[in-house]
Amino acid sequence: MSRPFKREAEGSVAKALSYGASDAQALVDVCYHAVLGRAPDPAGLTAYCGMIHDRPDRETLIAMVRSIAMSEEARDYREHHLSAQERSAAR
């Protein structure tokens, strides 16, 4: 059972996002850069911001991060950078 964050709780996700478009966009942007090393494409930004605004709770944020992290692009990005690090270490 999902439990929404309390709006009044200091430091809560809902309060941090404040349901504002720029806050949701910033969160999606940070996730994309952290996981994929790039800015979000317009379709991804729109979809994930919509998810956050529709239901700004812990489960939604986990689902968003998991979706990005488990994507084929993320897997390819990790493999590319891990193999580059291994090549670098072998020199």
C-alpha atoms as a PDB file:
ATOM      1  CA  MET A   1       0.000   0.000   0.000  1.00  0.00           C
ATOM      2  CA  SER A   2       1.440   3.353  -0.992  1.00  0.00           C
ATOM      3  CA  ARG A   3       1.745   6.066   1.568  1.00  0.00           C
ATOM      4  CA  PRO A   4       1.855   9.684   0.317  1.00  0.00           C
ATOM      5  CA  PHE A   5       4.340  12.041   1.856  1.00  0.00           C
ATOM      6  CA  LYS A   6       2.954  14.621   4.220  1.00  0.00           C
ATOM      7  CA  ARG A   7       3.001  18.073   2.682  1.00  0.00           C
ATOM      8  CA  GLU A   8       3.815  19.755   5.976  1.00  0.00           C
ATOM      9  CA  ALA A   9       6.778  17.521   6.783  1.00  0.00           C
ATOM     10  CA  GLU A  10      10.018  19.436   6.529  1.00  0.00           C
ATOM     11  CA  GLY A  11      12.261  17.948   3.833  1.00  0.00           C
ATOM     12  CA  SER A  12       9.585  15.667   2.383  1.00  0.00           C
ATOM     13  CA  VAL A  13       9.555  14.905  -1.328  1.00  0.00           C
ATOM     14  CA  ALA A  14       6.136  16.501  -1.818  1.00  0.00           C
ATOM     15  CA  LYS A  15       7.294  19.688  -0.124  1.00  0.00           C
ATOM     16  CA  ALA A  16      10.538  19.717  -2.077  1.00  0.00           C
ATOM     17  CA  LEU A  17       8.690  19.357  -5.358  1.00  0.00           C
ATOM     18  CA  SER A  18       5.931  21.764  -4.304  1.00  0.00           C
ATOM     19  CA  TYR A  19       4.069  20.407  -7.314  1.00  0.00           C
ATOM     20  CA  GLY A  20       5.885  23.021  -9.389  1.00  0.00           C
ATOM     21  CA  ALA A  21       6.847  22.252 -12.954  1.00  0.00           C
ATOM     22  CA  SER A  22      10.384  23.585 -12.560  1.00  0.00           C
ATOM     23  CA  ASP A  23      10.994  21.430  -9.467  1.00  0.00           C
ATOM     24  CA  ALA A  24       9.800  18.266 -11.202  1.00  0.00           C
ATOM     25  CA  GLN A  25      11.864  19.129 -14.266  1.00  0.00           C
ATOM     26  CA  ALA A  26      14.938  19.647 -12.095  1.00  0.00           C
ATOM     27  CA  LEU A  27      14.459  16.258 -10.448  1.00  0.00           C
ATOM     28  CA  VAL A  28      14.044  14.491 -13.799  1.00  0.00           C
ATOM     29  CA  ASP A  29      17.078  16.354 -15.150  1.00  0.00           C
ATOM     30  CA  VAL A  30      19.218  15.271 -12.183  1.00  0.00           C
ATOM     31  CA  CYS A  31      18.128  11.634 -12.599  1.00  0.00           C
ATOM     32  CA  TYR A  32      18.899  11.628 -16.309  1.00  0.00           C
ATOM     33  CA  HIS A  33      22.333  13.180 -15.786  1.00  0.00           C
ATOM     34  CA  ALA A  34      23.180  10.834 -12.917  1.00  0.00           C
ATOM     35  CA  VAL A  35      22.071   7.660 -14.703  1.00  0.00           C
ATOM     36  CA  LEU A  36      22.434   8.414 -18.415  1.00  0.00           C
ATOM     37  CA  GLY A  37      24.977  11.219 -18.448  1.00  0.00           C
ATOM     38  CA  ARG A  38      22.734  13.509 -20.484  1.00  0.00           C
ATOM     39  CA  ALA A  39      19.772  15.844 -20.349  1.00  0.00           C
ATOM     40  CA  PRO A  40      16.306  14.329 -20.696  1.00  0.00           C
ATOM     41  CA  ASP A  41      14.696  14.234 -24.113  1.00  0.00           C
ATOM     42  CA  PRO A  42      11.413  16.182 -24.414  1.00  0.00           C
ATOM     43  CA  ALA A  43       9.246  13.034 -24.401  1.00  0.00           C
ATOM     44  CA  GLY A  44      10.934  11.608 -21.286  1.00  0.00           C
ATOM     45  CA  LEU A  45      10.811  14.932 -19.491  1.00  0.00           C
ATOM     46  CA  THR A  46       7.095  15.301 -20.215  1.00  0.00           C
ATOM     47  CA  ALA A  47       6.265  11.722 -19.208  1.00  0.00           C
ATOM     48  CA  TYR A  48       8.216  11.721 -15.938  1.00  0.00           C
ATOM     49  CA  CYS A  49       7.054  15.208 -14.916  1.00  0.00           C
ATOM     50  CA  GLY A  50       3.497  14.051 -15.541  1.00  0.00           C
ATOM     51  CA  MET A  51       4.056  11.040 -13.293  1.00  0.00           C
ATOM     52  CA  ILE A  52       5.410  13.255 -10.517  1.00  0.00           C
ATOM     53  CA  HIS A  53       2.565  15.736 -10.742  1.00  0.00           C
ATOM     54  CA  ASP A  54      -0.098  13.020 -10.888  1.00  0.00           C
ATOM     55  CA  ARG A  55       1.205  11.265  -7.800  1.00  0.00           C
ATOM     56  CA  PRO A  56       4.137  12.871  -5.958  1.00  0.00           C
ATOM     57  CA  ASP A  57       4.912  10.097  -3.512  1.00  0.00           C
ATOM     58  CA  ARG A  58       7.829   7.814  -2.713  1.00  0.00           C
ATOM     59  CA  GLU A  59       6.616   4.978  -4.955  1.00  0.00           C
ATOM     60  CA  THR A  60       6.337   7.272  -7.979  1.00  0.00           C
ATOM     61  CA  LEU A  61       9.837   8.629  -7.480  1.00  0.00           C
ATOM     62  CA  ILE A  62      11.241   5.130  -7.036  1.00  0.00           C
ATOM     63  CA  ALA A  63       9.412   3.987 -10.167  1.00  0.00           C
ATOM     64  CA  MET A  64      10.826   6.913 -12.146  1.00  0.00           C
ATOM     65  CA  VAL A  65      14.419   6.316 -11.051  1.00  0.00           C
ATOM     66  CA  ARG A  66      14.062   2.556 -11.563  1.00  0.00           C
ATOM     67  CA  SER A  67      12.611   3.078 -15.042  1.00  0.00           C
ATOM     68  CA  ILE A  68      15.518   5.282 -16.062  1.00  0.00           C
ATOM     69  CA  ALA A  69      18.152   3.088 -14.388  1.00  0.00           C
ATOM     70  CA  MET A  70      16.810  -0.163 -15.853  1.00  0.00           C
ATOM     71  CA  SER A  71      16.444   1.182 -19.392  1.00  0.00           C
ATOM     72  CA  GLU A  72      18.419  -0.266 -22.270  1.00  0.00           C
ATOM     73  CA  GLU A  73      20.138   3.097 -22.688  1.00  0.00           C
ATOM     74  CA  ALA A  74      21.318   3.018 -19.058  1.00  0.00           C
ATOM     75  CA  ARG A  75      22.625  -0.521 -19.483  1.00  0.00           C
ATOM     76  CA  ASP A  76      24.539   0.497 -22.622  1.00  0.00           C
ATOM     77  CA  TYR A  77      25.874   3.614 -20.883  1.00  0.00           C
ATOM     78  CA  ARG A  78      27.135   1.573 -17.907  1.00  0.00           C
ATOM     79  CA  GLU A  79      28.729  -1.062 -20.127  1.00  0.00           C
ATOM     80  CA  HIS A  80      30.460   1.576 -22.233  1.00  0.00           C
ATOM     81  CA  HIS A  81      31.874   3.421 -19.240  1.00  0.00           C
ATOM     82  CA  LEU A  82      32.846   0.277 -17.363  1.00  0.00           C
ATOM     83  CA  SER A  83      34.714  -1.066 -20.380  1.00  0.00           C
ATOM     84  CA  ALA A  84      36.438   2.317 -20.824  1.00  0.00           C
ATOM     85  CA  GLN A  85      37.554   2.217 -17.183  1.00  0.00           C
ATOM     86  CA  GLU A  86      38.852  -1.325 -17.601  1.00  0.00           C
ATOM     87  CA  ARG A  87      40.815  -0.319 -20.717  1.00  0.00           C
ATOM     88  CA  SER A  88      42.248   2.618 -18.827  1.00  0.00           C
ATOM     89  CA  ALA A  89      43.262   0.472 -15.858  1.00  0.00           C
ATOM     90  CA  ALA A  90      44.967  -2.064 -18.124  1.00  0.00           C
ATOM     91  CA  ARG A  91      47.361   0.553 -19.531  1.00  0.00           C
END
